Amino acid sequence: MADDNGESLKDVLKDLGENTSVHGIPKILTSKNRLLKVFWLVVFLGTSAYLCLQMYALFEDYYSYPIETTVSLKFNAIQYPAVSFCNMNPLKKSMLPETPQKLQDSLKPEQVR
């Protein structure tokens, strides 16, 4: 079986295997020594089997829908100071003389008659 360029499927697969980024496959195809080819094939198949095993365990755990929630609240006593001063005024009285008179008049509380 050949495509338009005259390359056979075997040549295309060999070229893909030699240039792939999947670790191990190029080593299997480009090794000259038969013992190294077998070694790389065993390593590749072993790691692929381990990957499949880990993926199976992961999906099995995921689809068992485990729900584990632990909430722990711990409160420590807070030491407050003996006396605290809170100024609830939104304006500083010392800054009032520097504001325009019209603004000062609007800030004064209205007197009830």
PDB file of N, CA and C in Angstrom:
ATOM      1  N   MET A   1       0.841  -1.157   0.000  1.00  0.00           N
ATOM      2  CA  MET A   1       0.000   0.000   0.000  1.00  0.00           C
ATOM      3  C   MET A   1       0.899   1.236   0.000  1.00  0.00           C
ATOM      4  N   ALA A   2       0.779   2.117  -0.977  1.00  0.00           N
ATOM      5  CA  ALA A   2       1.609   3.301  -1.105  1.00  0.00           C
ATOM      6  C   ALA A   2       0.720   4.519  -1.273  1.00  0.00           C
ATOM      7  N   ASP A   3       1.179   5.651  -0.723  1.00  0.00           N
ATOM      8  CA  ASP A   3       0.402   6.868  -0.898  1.00  0.00           C
ATOM      9  C   ASP A   3       0.870   7.607  -2.141  1.00  0.00           C
ATOM     10  N   ASP A   4       0.474   8.858  -2.320  1.00  0.00           N
ATOM     11  CA  ASP A   4       0.790   9.621  -3.527  1.00  0.00           C
ATOM     12  C   ASP A   4       2.284   9.850  -3.712  1.00  0.00           C
ATOM     13  N   ASN A   5       3.044   9.913  -2.619  1.00  0.00           N
ATOM     14  CA  ASN A   5       4.487  10.155  -2.704  1.00  0.00           C
ATOM     15  C   ASN A   5       5.277   8.877  -2.944  1.00  0.00           C
ATOM     16  N   GLY A   6       4.636   7.750  -2.975  1.00  0.00           N
ATOM     17  CA  GLY A   6       5.320   6.491  -3.198  1.00  0.00           C
ATOM     18  C   GLY A   6       5.851   5.860  -1.926  1.00  0.00           C
ATOM     19  N   GLU A   7       5.527   6.440  -0.750  1.00  0.00           N
ATOM     20  CA  GLU A   7       5.976   5.871   0.514  1.00  0.00           C
ATOM     21  C   GLU A   7       4.972   4.815   0.969  1.00  0.00           C
ATOM     22  N   SER A   8       5.489   3.730   1.474  1.00  0.00           N
ATOM     23  CA  SER A   8       4.601   2.687   1.975  1.00  0.00           C
ATOM     24  C   SER A   8       4.200   3.007   3.415  1.00  0.00           C
ATOM     25  N   LEU A   9       3.163   2.348   3.901  1.00  0.00           N
ATOM     26  CA  LEU A   9       2.708   2.547   5.269  1.00  0.00           C
ATOM     27  C   LEU A   9       3.801   2.174   6.264  1.00  0.00           C
ATOM     28  N   LYS A  10       4.581   1.158   5.922  1.00  0.00           N
ATOM     29  CA  LYS A  10       5.673   0.726   6.788  1.00  0.00           C
ATOM     30  C   LYS A  10       6.720   1.830   6.923  1.00  0.00           C
ATOM     31  N   ASP A  11       7.041   2.492   5.811  1.00  0.00           N
ATOM     32  CA  ASP A  11       8.031   3.574   5.854  1.00  0.00           C
ATOM     33  C   ASP A  11       7.511   4.765   6.660  1.00  0.00           C
ATOM     34  N   VAL A  12       6.239   5.067   6.500  1.00  0.00           N
ATOM     35  CA  VAL A  12       5.657   6.191   7.233  1.00  0.00           C
ATOM     36  C   VAL A  12       5.652   5.899   8.736  1.00  0.00           C
ATOM     37  N   LEU A  13       5.257   4.687   9.122  1.00  0.00           N
ATOM     38  CA  LEU A  13       5.249   4.319  10.531  1.00  0.00           C
ATOM     39  C   LEU A  13       6.655   4.278  11.120  1.00  0.00           C
ATOM     40  N   LYS A  14       7.621   3.808  10.315  1.00  0.00           N
ATOM     41  CA  LYS A  14       9.008   3.776  10.785  1.00  0.00           C
ATOM     42  C   LYS A  14       9.526   5.191  11.007  1.00  0.00           C
ATOM     43  N   ASP A  15       9.215   6.100  10.079  1.00  0.00           N
ATOM     44  CA  ASP A  15       9.645   7.490  10.207  1.00  0.00           C
ATOM     45  C   ASP A  15       8.975   8.141  11.421  1.00  0.00           C
ATOM     46  N   LEU A  16       7.702   7.867  11.612  1.00  0.00           N
ATOM     47  CA  LEU A  16       6.998   8.399  12.781  1.00  0.00           C
ATOM     48  C   LEU A  16       7.596   7.861  14.074  1.00  0.00           C
ATOM     49  N   GLY A  17       7.884   6.568  14.110  1.00  0.00           N
ATOM     50  CA  GLY A  17       8.455   5.954  15.309  1.00  0.00           C
ATOM     51  C   GLY A  17       9.841   6.465  15.627  1.00  0.00           C
ATOM     52  N   GLU A  18      10.648   6.740  14.618  1.00  0.00           N
ATOM     53  CA  GLU A  18      12.006   7.227  14.855  1.00  0.00           C
ATOM     54  C   GLU A  18      12.028   8.685  15.309  1.00  0.00           C
ATOM     55  N   ASN A  19      10.996   9.436  14.956  1.00  0.00           N
ATOM     56  CA  ASN A  19      10.979  10.863  15.275  1.00  0.00           C
ATOM     57  C   ASN A  19       9.958  11.241  16.340  1.00  0.00           C
ATOM     58  N   THR A  20       9.330  10.271  16.958  1.00  0.00           N
ATOM     59  CA  THR A  20       8.334  10.570  17.979  1.00  0.00           C
ATOM     60  C   THR A  20       8.998  11.008  19.278  1.00  0.00           C
ATOM     61  N   SER A  21       8.243  11.724  20.091  1.00  0.00           N
ATOM     62  CA  SER A  21       8.774  12.165  21.381  1.00  0.00           C
ATOM     63  C   SER A  21       8.417  11.179  22.496  1.00  0.00           C
ATOM     64  N   VAL A  22       7.716  10.110  22.177  1.00  0.00           N
ATOM     65  CA  VAL A  22       7.394   9.086  23.172  1.00  0.00           C
ATOM     66  C   VAL A  22       8.690   8.351  23.494  1.00  0.00           C
ATOM     67  N   HIS A  23       9.102   8.402  24.745  1.00  0.00           N
ATOM     68  CA  HIS A  23      10.388   7.826  25.127  1.00  0.00           C
ATOM     69  C   HIS A  23      10.379   6.312  24.936  1.00  0.00           C
ATOM     70  N   GLY A  24      11.419   5.802  24.343  1.00  0.00           N
ATOM     71  CA  GLY A  24      11.586   4.360  24.193  1.00  0.00           C
ATOM     72  C   GLY A  24      11.366   3.887  22.773  1.00  0.00           C
ATOM     73  N   ILE A  25      10.363   4.386  22.097  1.00  0.00           N
ATOM     74  CA  ILE A  25      10.062   3.903  20.742  1.00  0.00           C
ATOM     75  C   ILE A  25      11.214   4.190  19.776  1.00  0.00           C
ATOM     76  N   PRO A  26      11.777   5.408  19.748  1.00  0.00           N
ATOM     77  CA  PRO A  26      12.916   5.614  18.853  1.00  0.00           C
ATOM     78  C   PRO A  26      14.108   4.711  19.190  1.00  0.00           C
ATOM     79  N   LYS A  27      14.310   4.437  20.481  1.00  0.00           N
ATOM     80  CA  LYS A  27      15.413   3.552  20.889  1.00  0.00           C
ATOM     81  C   LYS A  27      15.193   2.139  20.358  1.00  0.00           C
ATOM     82  N   ILE A  28      13.944   1.683  20.376  1.00  0.00           N
ATOM     83  CA  ILE A  28      13.643   0.338  19.881  1.00  0.00           C
ATOM     84  C   ILE A  28      13.926   0.263  18.383  1.00  0.00           C
ATOM     85  N   LEU A  29      13.508   1.286  17.652  1.00  0.00           N
ATOM     86  CA  LEU A  29      13.634   1.248  16.191  1.00  0.00           C
ATOM     87  C   LEU A  29      15.042   1.526  15.696  1.00  0.00           C
ATOM     88  N   THR A  30      15.816   2.328  16.419  1.00  0.00           N
ATOM     89  CA  THR A  30      17.144   2.710  15.916  1.00  0.00           C
ATOM     90  C   THR A  30      18.282   1.874  16.487  1.00  0.00           C
ATOM     91  N   SER A  31      18.032   1.012  17.464  1.00  0.00           N
ATOM     92  CA  SER A  31      19.102   0.189  18.033  1.00  0.00           C
ATOM     93  C   SER A  31      19.566  -0.844  17.020  1.00  0.00           C
ATOM     94  N   LYS A  32      20.876  -0.994  16.922  1.00  0.00           N
ATOM     95  CA  LYS A  32      21.462  -1.979  15.996  1.00  0.00           C
ATOM     96  C   LYS A  32      21.546  -3.354  16.642  1.00  0.00           C
ATOM     97  N   ASN A  33      21.783  -3.371  17.933  1.00  0.00           N
ATOM     98  CA  ASN A  33      21.943  -4.618  18.672  1.00  0.00           C
ATOM     99  C   ASN A  33      20.559  -5.176  19.036  1.00  0.00           C
ATOM    100  N   ARG A  34      20.343  -6.446  18.742  1.00  0.00           N
ATOM    101  CA  ARG A  34      19.052  -7.076  19.014  1.00  0.00           C
ATOM    102  C   ARG A  34      18.769  -7.122  20.523  1.00  0.00           C
ATOM    103  N   LEU A  35      19.792  -7.311  21.343  1.00  0.00           N
ATOM    104  CA  LEU A  35      19.615  -7.347  22.791  1.00  0.00           C
ATOM    105  C   LEU A  35      19.136  -5.991  23.316  1.00  0.00           C
ATOM    106  N   LEU A  36      19.672  -4.894  22.767  1.00  0.00           N
ATOM    107  CA  LEU A  36      19.220  -3.565  23.162  1.00  0.00           C
ATOM    108  C   LEU A  36      17.778  -3.318  22.729  1.00  0.00           C
ATOM    109  N   LYS A  37      17.405  -3.809  21.549  1.00  0.00           N
ATOM    110  CA  LYS A  37      16.020  -3.676  21.084  1.00  0.00           C
ATOM    111  C   LYS A  37      15.070  -4.370  22.057  1.00  0.00           C
ATOM    112  N   VAL A  38      15.434  -5.580  22.481  1.00  0.00           N
ATOM    113  CA  VAL A  38      14.597  -6.322  23.420  1.00  0.00           C
ATOM    114  C   VAL A  38      14.542  -5.593  24.759  1.00  0.00           C
ATOM    115  N   PHE A  39      15.694  -5.073  25.220  1.00  0.00           N
ATOM    116  CA  PHE A  39      15.738  -4.336  26.476  1.00  0.00           C
ATOM    117  C   PHE A  39      14.797  -3.132  26.427  1.00  0.00           C
ATOM    118  N   TRP A  40      14.899  -2.324  25.367  1.00  0.00           N
ATOM    119  CA  TRP A  40      14.057  -1.135  25.255  1.00  0.00           C
ATOM    120  C   TRP A  40      12.587  -1.501  25.093  1.00  0.00           C
ATOM    121  N   LEU A  41      12.311  -2.599  24.419  1.00  0.00           N
ATOM    122  CA  LEU A  41      10.935  -3.053  24.267  1.00  0.00           C
ATOM    123  C   LEU A  41      10.359  -3.461  25.626  1.00  0.00           C
ATOM    124  N   VAL A  42      11.142  -4.183  26.421  1.00  0.00           N
ATOM    125  CA  VAL A  42      10.689  -4.599  27.749  1.00  0.00           C
ATOM    126  C   VAL A  42      10.482  -3.377  28.651  1.00  0.00           C
ATOM    127  N   VAL A  43      11.414  -2.430  28.603  1.00  0.00           N
ATOM    128  CA  VAL A  43      11.284  -1.219  29.414  1.00  0.00           C
ATOM    129  C   VAL A  43      10.045  -0.433  28.993  1.00  0.00           C
ATOM    130  N   PHE A  44       9.835  -0.286  27.691  1.00  0.00           N
ATOM    131  CA  PHE A  44       8.676   0.462  27.197  1.00  0.00           C
ATOM    132  C   PHE A  44       7.372  -0.230  27.583  1.00  0.00           C
ATOM    133  N   LEU A  45       7.290  -1.528  27.389  1.00  0.00           N
ATOM    134  CA  LEU A  45       6.059  -2.253  27.730  1.00  0.00           C
ATOM    135  C   LEU A  45       5.827  -2.268  29.241  1.00  0.00           C
ATOM    136  N   GLY A  46       6.905  -2.389  30.019  1.00  0.00           N
ATOM    137  CA  GLY A  46       6.767  -2.375  31.476  1.00  0.00           C
ATOM    138  C   GLY A  46       6.257  -1.036  31.992  1.00  0.00           C
ATOM    139  N   THR A  47       6.833   0.045  31.482  1.00  0.00           N
ATOM    140  CA  THR A  47       6.375   1.367  31.928  1.00  0.00           C
ATOM    141  C   THR A  47       4.964   1.658  31.425  1.00  0.00           C
ATOM    142  N   SER A  48       4.620   1.184  30.250  1.00  0.00           N
ATOM    143  CA  SER A  48       3.253   1.367  29.742  1.00  0.00           C
ATOM    144  C   SER A  48       2.260   0.587  30.600  1.00  0.00           C
ATOM    145  N   ALA A  49       2.632  -0.622  30.995  1.00  0.00           N
ATOM    146  CA  ALA A  49       1.752  -1.413  31.860  1.00  0.00           C
ATOM    147  C   ALA A  49       1.594  -0.741  33.219  1.00  0.00           C
ATOM    148  N   TYR A  50       2.670  -0.190  33.764  1.00  0.00           N
ATOM    149  CA  TYR A  50       2.599   0.509  35.045  1.00  0.00           C
ATOM    150  C   TYR A  50       1.718   1.762  34.925  1.00  0.00           C
ATOM    151  N   LEU A  51       1.829   2.463  33.804  1.00  0.00           N
ATOM    152  CA  LEU A  51       0.979   3.631  33.554  1.00  0.00           C
ATOM    153  C   LEU A  51      -0.492   3.222  33.540  1.00  0.00           C
ATOM    154  N   CYS A  52      -0.802   2.135  32.835  1.00  0.00           N
ATOM    155  CA  CYS A  52      -2.185   1.655  32.770  1.00  0.00           C
ATOM    156  C   CYS A  52      -2.684   1.254  34.155  1.00  0.00           C
ATOM    157  N   LEU A  53      -1.854   0.627  34.948  1.00  0.00           N
ATOM    158  CA  LEU A  53      -2.221   0.230  36.305  1.00  0.00           C
ATOM    159  C   LEU A  53      -2.519   1.455  37.169  1.00  0.00           C
ATOM    160  N   GLN A  54      -1.672   2.465  37.080  1.00  0.00           N
ATOM    161  CA  GLN A  54      -1.870   3.681  37.865  1.00  0.00           C
ATOM    162  C   GLN A  54      -3.129   4.431  37.411  1.00  0.00           C
ATOM    163  N   MET A  55      -3.354   4.479  36.107  1.00  0.00           N
ATOM    164  CA  MET A  55      -4.555   5.140  35.593  1.00  0.00           C
ATOM    165  C   MET A  55      -5.811   4.404  36.045  1.00  0.00           C
ATOM    166  N   TYR A  56      -5.775   3.078  36.035  1.00  0.00           N
ATOM    167  CA  TYR A  56      -6.922   2.289  36.493  1.00  0.00           C
ATOM    168  C   TYR A  56      -7.207   2.577  37.963  1.00  0.00           C
ATOM    169  N   ALA A  57      -6.157   2.598  38.782  1.00  0.00           N
ATOM    170  CA  ALA A  57      -6.338   2.867  40.220  1.00  0.00           C
ATOM    171  C   ALA A  57      -6.871   4.273  40.441  1.00  0.00           C
ATOM    172  N   LEU A  58      -6.390   5.225  39.660  1.00  0.00           N
ATOM    173  CA  LEU A  58      -6.839   6.604  39.789  1.00  0.00           C
ATOM    174  C   LEU A  58      -8.317   6.730  39.438  1.00  0.00           C
ATOM    175  N   PHE A  59      -8.731   6.152  38.317  1.00  0.00           N
ATOM    176  CA  PHE A  59     -10.128   6.236  37.910  1.00  0.00           C
ATOM    177  C   PHE A  59     -11.038   5.443  38.842  1.00  0.00           C
ATOM    178  N   GLU A  60     -10.554   4.331  39.335  1.00  0.00           N
ATOM    179  CA  GLU A  60     -11.344   3.545  40.273  1.00  0.00           C
ATOM    180  C   GLU A  60     -11.599   4.349  41.548  1.00  0.00           C
ATOM    181  N   ASP A  61     -10.581   5.030  42.041  1.00  0.00           N
ATOM    182  CA  ASP A  61     -10.726   5.856  43.223  1.00  0.00           C
ATOM    183  C   ASP A  61     -11.645   7.051  42.939  1.00  0.00           C
ATOM    184  N   TYR A  62     -11.499   7.657  41.780  1.00  0.00           N
ATOM    185  CA  TYR A  62     -12.308   8.819  41.426  1.00  0.00           C
ATOM    186  C   TYR A  62     -13.782   8.450  41.305  1.00  0.00           C
ATOM    187  N   TYR A  63     -14.078   7.357  40.640  1.00  0.00           N
ATOM    188  CA  TYR A  63     -15.467   6.986  40.419  1.00  0.00           C
ATOM    189  C   TYR A  63     -16.098   6.246  41.599  1.00  0.00           C
ATOM    190  N   SER A  64     -15.363   6.041  42.674  1.00  0.00           N
ATOM    191  CA  SER A  64     -15.984   5.516  43.891  1.00  0.00           C
ATOM    192  C   SER A  64     -16.579   6.665  44.703  1.00  0.00           C
ATOM    193  N   TYR A  65     -16.331   7.904  44.263  1.00  0.00           N
ATOM    194  CA  TYR A  65     -16.859   9.122  44.869  1.00  0.00           C
ATOM    195  C   TYR A  65     -16.635   9.173  46.384  1.00  0.00           C
ATOM    196  N   PRO A  66     -15.380   9.092  46.816  1.00  0.00           N
ATOM    197  CA  PRO A  66     -15.141   9.177  48.261  1.00  0.00           C
ATOM    198  C   PRO A  66     -15.332  10.619  48.743  1.00  0.00           C
ATOM    199  N   ILE A  67     -16.033  10.762  49.851  1.00  0.00           N
ATOM    200  CA  ILE A  67     -16.231  12.086  50.434  1.00  0.00           C
ATOM    201  C   ILE A  67     -15.694  12.034  51.853  1.00  0.00           C
ATOM    202  N   GLU A  68     -14.705  12.827  52.079  1.00  0.00           N
ATOM    203  CA  GLU A  68     -14.087  12.877  53.401  1.00  0.00           C
ATOM    204  C   GLU A  68     -13.868  14.334  53.755  1.00  0.00           C
ATOM    205  N   THR A  69     -14.595  14.802  54.748  1.00  0.00           N
ATOM    206  CA  THR A  69     -14.487  16.187  55.161  1.00  0.00           C
ATOM    207  C   THR A  69     -14.199  16.232  56.649  1.00  0.00           C
ATOM    208  N   THR A  70     -13.188  16.950  56.995  1.00  0.00           N
ATOM    209  CA  THR A  70     -12.833  17.124  58.399  1.00  0.00           C
ATOM    210  C   THR A  70     -12.748  18.614  58.679  1.00  0.00           C
ATOM    211  N   VAL A  71     -13.551  19.070  59.622  1.00  0.00           N
ATOM    212  CA  VAL A  71     -13.537  20.477  59.998  1.00  0.00           C
ATOM    213  C   VAL A  71     -13.139  20.547  61.465  1.00  0.00           C
ATOM    214  N   SER A  72     -12.151  21.355  61.720  1.00  0.00           N
ATOM    215  CA  SER A  72     -11.675  21.500  63.095  1.00  0.00           C
ATOM    216  C   SER A  72     -11.506  22.988  63.388  1.00  0.00           C
ATOM    217  N   LEU A  73     -12.230  23.469  64.391  1.00  0.00           N
ATOM    218  CA  LEU A  73     -12.136  24.868  64.782  1.00  0.00           C
ATOM    219  C   LEU A  73     -11.534  24.937  66.175  1.00  0.00           C
ATOM    220  N   LYS A  74     -10.519  25.737  66.305  1.00  0.00           N
ATOM    221  CA  LYS A  74      -9.872  25.905  67.606  1.00  0.00           C
ATOM    222  C   LYS A  74      -9.807  27.402  67.894  1.00  0.00           C
ATOM    223  N   PHE A  75     -10.260  27.762  69.063  1.00  0.00           N
ATOM    224  CA  PHE A  75     -10.256  29.156  69.457  1.00  0.00           C
ATOM    225  C   PHE A  75      -9.345  29.327  70.659  1.00  0.00           C
ATOM    226  N   ASN A  76      -8.542  30.342  70.607  1.00  0.00           N
ATOM    227  CA  ASN A  76      -7.685  30.697  71.737  1.00  0.00           C
ATOM    228  C   ASN A  76      -8.216  31.988  72.344  1.00  0.00           C
ATOM    229  N   ALA A  77      -8.056  32.142  73.639  1.00  0.00           N
ATOM    230  CA  ALA A  77      -8.493  33.363  74.304  1.00  0.00           C
ATOM    231  C   ALA A  77      -7.646  34.529  73.820  1.00  0.00           C
ATOM    232  N   ILE A  78      -8.338  35.640  73.527  1.00  0.00           N
ATOM    233  CA  ILE A  78      -7.630  36.840  73.070  1.00  0.00           C
ATOM    234  C   ILE A  78      -7.522  37.803  74.234  1.00  0.00           C
ATOM    235  N   GLN A  79      -6.344  38.328  74.430  1.00  0.00           N
ATOM    236  CA  GLN A  79      -6.102  39.275  75.502  1.00  0.00           C
ATOM    237  C   GLN A  79      -6.411  40.680  74.984  1.00  0.00           C
ATOM    238  N   TYR A  80      -7.423  41.289  75.558  1.00  0.00           N
ATOM    239  CA  TYR A  80      -7.769  42.653  75.184  1.00  0.00           C
ATOM    240  C   TYR A  80      -7.092  43.625  76.144  1.00  0.00           C
ATOM    241  N   PRO A  81      -6.820  44.854  75.672  1.00  0.00           N
ATOM    242  CA  PRO A  81      -6.221  45.838  76.589  1.00  0.00           C
ATOM    243  C   PRO A  81      -7.257  46.254  77.644  1.00  0.00           C
ATOM    244  N   ALA A  82      -6.771  46.736  78.754  1.00  0.00           N
ATOM    245  CA  ALA A  82      -7.651  47.117  79.853  1.00  0.00           C
ATOM    246  C   ALA A  82      -8.526  48.304  79.470  1.00  0.00           C
ATOM    247  N   VAL A  83      -7.979  49.260  78.721  1.00  0.00           N
ATOM    248  CA  VAL A  83      -8.723  50.454  78.321  1.00  0.00           C
ATOM    249  C   VAL A  83      -8.493  50.676  76.844  1.00  0.00           C
ATOM    250  N   SER A  84      -9.560  50.964  76.129  1.00  0.00           N
ATOM    251  CA  SER A  84      -9.405  51.296  74.714  1.00  0.00           C
ATOM    252  C   SER A  84     -10.208  52.555  74.427  1.00  0.00           C
ATOM    253  N   PHE A  85      -9.675  53.409  73.569  1.00  0.00           N
ATOM    254  CA  PHE A  85     -10.329  54.658  73.200  1.00  0.00           C
ATOM    255  C   PHE A  85     -10.698  54.579  71.724  1.00  0.00           C
ATOM    256  N   CYS A  86     -11.934  54.877  71.440  1.00  0.00           N
ATOM    257  CA  CYS A  86     -12.401  54.874  70.054  1.00  0.00           C
ATOM    258  C   CYS A  86     -12.990  56.232  69.748  1.00  0.00           C
ATOM    259  N   ASN A  87     -12.423  56.918  68.794  1.00  0.00           N
ATOM    260  CA  ASN A  87     -12.939  58.199  68.364  1.00  0.00           C
ATOM    261  C   ASN A  87     -13.943  57.943  67.252  1.00  0.00           C
ATOM    262  N   MET A  88     -15.202  58.185  67.512  1.00  0.00           N
ATOM    263  CA  MET A  88     -16.253  57.911  66.542  1.00  0.00           C
ATOM    264  C   MET A  88     -16.530  59.101  65.624  1.00  0.00           C
ATOM    265  N   ASN A  89     -15.805  60.189  65.812  1.00  0.00           N
ATOM    266  CA  ASN A  89     -16.035  61.376  64.988  1.00  0.00           C
ATOM    267  C   ASN A  89     -15.433  61.182  63.603  1.00  0.00           C
ATOM    268  N   PRO A  90     -16.223  61.440  62.557  1.00  0.00           N
ATOM    269  CA  PRO A  90     -15.666  61.292  61.212  1.00  0.00           C
ATOM    270  C   PRO A  90     -14.745  62.445  60.821  1.00  0.00           C
ATOM    271  N   LEU A  91     -14.815  63.564  61.565  1.00  0.00           N
ATOM    272  CA  LEU A  91     -13.992  64.728  61.256  1.00  0.00           C
ATOM    273  C   LEU A  91     -13.131  65.095  62.458  1.00  0.00           C
ATOM    274  N   LYS A  92     -11.985  65.667  62.164  1.00  0.00           N
ATOM    275  CA  LYS A  92     -11.134  66.177  63.245  1.00  0.00           C
ATOM    276  C   LYS A  92     -11.566  67.606  63.555  1.00  0.00           C
ATOM    277  N   LYS A  93     -11.779  67.873  64.832  1.00  0.00           N
ATOM    278  CA  LYS A  93     -12.199  69.221  65.232  1.00  0.00           C
ATOM    279  C   LYS A  93     -11.110  70.238  64.931  1.00  0.00           C
ATOM    280  N   SER A  94      -9.855  69.811  64.991  1.00  0.00           N
ATOM    281  CA  SER A  94      -8.754  70.730  64.732  1.00  0.00           C
ATOM    282  C   SER A  94      -8.693  71.159  63.267  1.00  0.00           C
ATOM    283  N   MET A  95      -9.272  70.382  62.372  1.00  0.00           N
ATOM    284  CA  MET A  95      -9.253  70.715  60.946  1.00  0.00           C
ATOM    285  C   MET A  95     -10.472  71.549  60.528  1.00  0.00           C
ATOM    286  N   LEU A  96     -11.437  71.706  61.406  1.00  0.00           N
ATOM    287  CA  LEU A  96     -12.672  72.394  61.061  1.00  0.00           C
ATOM    288  C   LEU A  96     -12.466  73.871  60.706  1.00  0.00           C
ATOM    289  N   PRO A  97     -11.615  74.627  61.417  1.00  0.00           N
ATOM    290  CA  PRO A  97     -11.441  76.035  61.035  1.00  0.00           C
ATOM    291  C   PRO A  97     -10.877  76.218  59.620  1.00  0.00           C
ATOM    292  N   GLU A  98     -10.203  75.237  59.055  1.00  0.00           N
ATOM    293  CA  GLU A  98      -9.620  75.365  57.726  1.00  0.00           C
ATOM    294  C   GLU A  98     -10.620  75.063  56.608  1.00  0.00           C
ATOM    295  N   THR A  99     -11.779  74.553  56.944  1.00  0.00           N
ATOM    296  CA  THR A  99     -12.781  74.232  55.922  1.00  0.00           C
ATOM    297  C   THR A  99     -13.609  75.466  55.614  1.00  0.00           C
ATOM    298  N   PRO A 100     -14.172  75.576  54.422  1.00  0.00           N
ATOM    299  CA  PRO A 100     -14.994  76.751  54.075  1.00  0.00           C
ATOM    300  C   PRO A 100     -16.227  76.857  54.979  1.00  0.00           C
ATOM    301  N   GLN A 101     -16.689  78.064  55.166  1.00  0.00           N
ATOM    302  CA  GLN A 101     -17.805  78.334  56.077  1.00  0.00           C
ATOM    303  C   GLN A 101     -19.076  77.616  55.629  1.00  0.00           C
ATOM    304  N   LYS A 102     -19.311  77.549  54.335  1.00  0.00           N
ATOM    305  CA  LYS A 102     -20.518  76.891  53.835  1.00  0.00           C
ATOM    306  C   LYS A 102     -20.521  75.407  54.213  1.00  0.00           C
ATOM    307  N   LEU A 103     -19.347  74.782  54.117  1.00  0.00           N
ATOM    308  CA  LEU A 103     -19.239  73.375  54.494  1.00  0.00           C
ATOM    309  C   LEU A 103     -19.403  73.211  56.003  1.00  0.00           C
ATOM    310  N   GLN A 104     -18.840  74.130  56.775  1.00  0.00           N
ATOM    311  CA  GLN A 104     -18.995  74.076  58.227  1.00  0.00           C
ATOM    312  C   GLN A 104     -20.462  74.157  58.619  1.00  0.00           C
ATOM    313  N   ASP A 105     -21.204  75.033  57.939  1.00  0.00           N
ATOM    314  CA  ASP A 105     -22.618  75.192  58.254  1.00  0.00           C
ATOM    315  C   ASP A 105     -23.403  73.937  57.930  1.00  0.00           C
ATOM    316  N   SER A 106     -23.017  73.238  56.870  1.00  0.00           N
ATOM    317  CA  SER A 106     -23.745  72.022  56.509  1.00  0.00           C
ATOM    318  C   SER A 106     -23.419  70.863  57.443  1.00  0.00           C
ATOM    319  N   LEU A 107     -22.281  70.935  58.125  1.00  0.00           N
ATOM    320  CA  LEU A 107     -21.906  69.868  59.033  1.00  0.00           C
ATOM    321  C   LEU A 107     -22.476  70.026  60.434  1.00  0.00           C
ATOM    322  N   LYS A 108     -22.948  71.222  60.762  1.00  0.00           N
ATOM    323  CA  LYS A 108     -23.506  71.455  62.091  1.00  0.00           C
ATOM    324  C   LYS A 108     -24.882  70.800  62.158  1.00  0.00           C
ATOM    325  N   PRO A 109     -25.188  70.175  63.285  1.00  0.00           N
ATOM    326  CA  PRO A 109     -26.525  69.582  63.411  1.00  0.00           C
ATOM    327  C   PRO A 109     -27.600  70.642  63.432  1.00  0.00           C
ATOM    328  N   GLU A 110     -28.733  70.296  62.820  1.00  0.00           N
ATOM    329  CA  GLU A 110     -29.836  71.258  62.782  1.00  0.00           C
ATOM    330  C   GLU A 110     -30.491  71.331  64.164  1.00  0.00           C
ATOM    331  N   GLN A 111     -30.843  72.537  64.517  1.00  0.00           N
ATOM    332  CA  GLN A 111     -31.474  72.739  65.812  1.00  0.00           C
ATOM    333  C   GLN A 111     -32.979  72.586  65.662  1.00  0.00           C
ATOM    334  N   VAL A 112     -33.548  71.889  66.592  1.00  0.00           N
ATOM    335  CA  VAL A 112     -34.998  71.666  66.579  1.00  0.00           C
ATOM    336  C   VAL A 112     -35.660  72.846  67.291  1.00  0.00           C
ATOM    337  N   ARG A 113     -36.699  73.423  66.689  1.00  0.00           N
ATOM    338  CA  ARG A 113     -37.346  74.586  67.284  1.00  0.00           C
ATOM    339  C   ARG A 113     -38.473  74.198  68.144  1.00  0.00           C
TER     340      ARG A 113
END
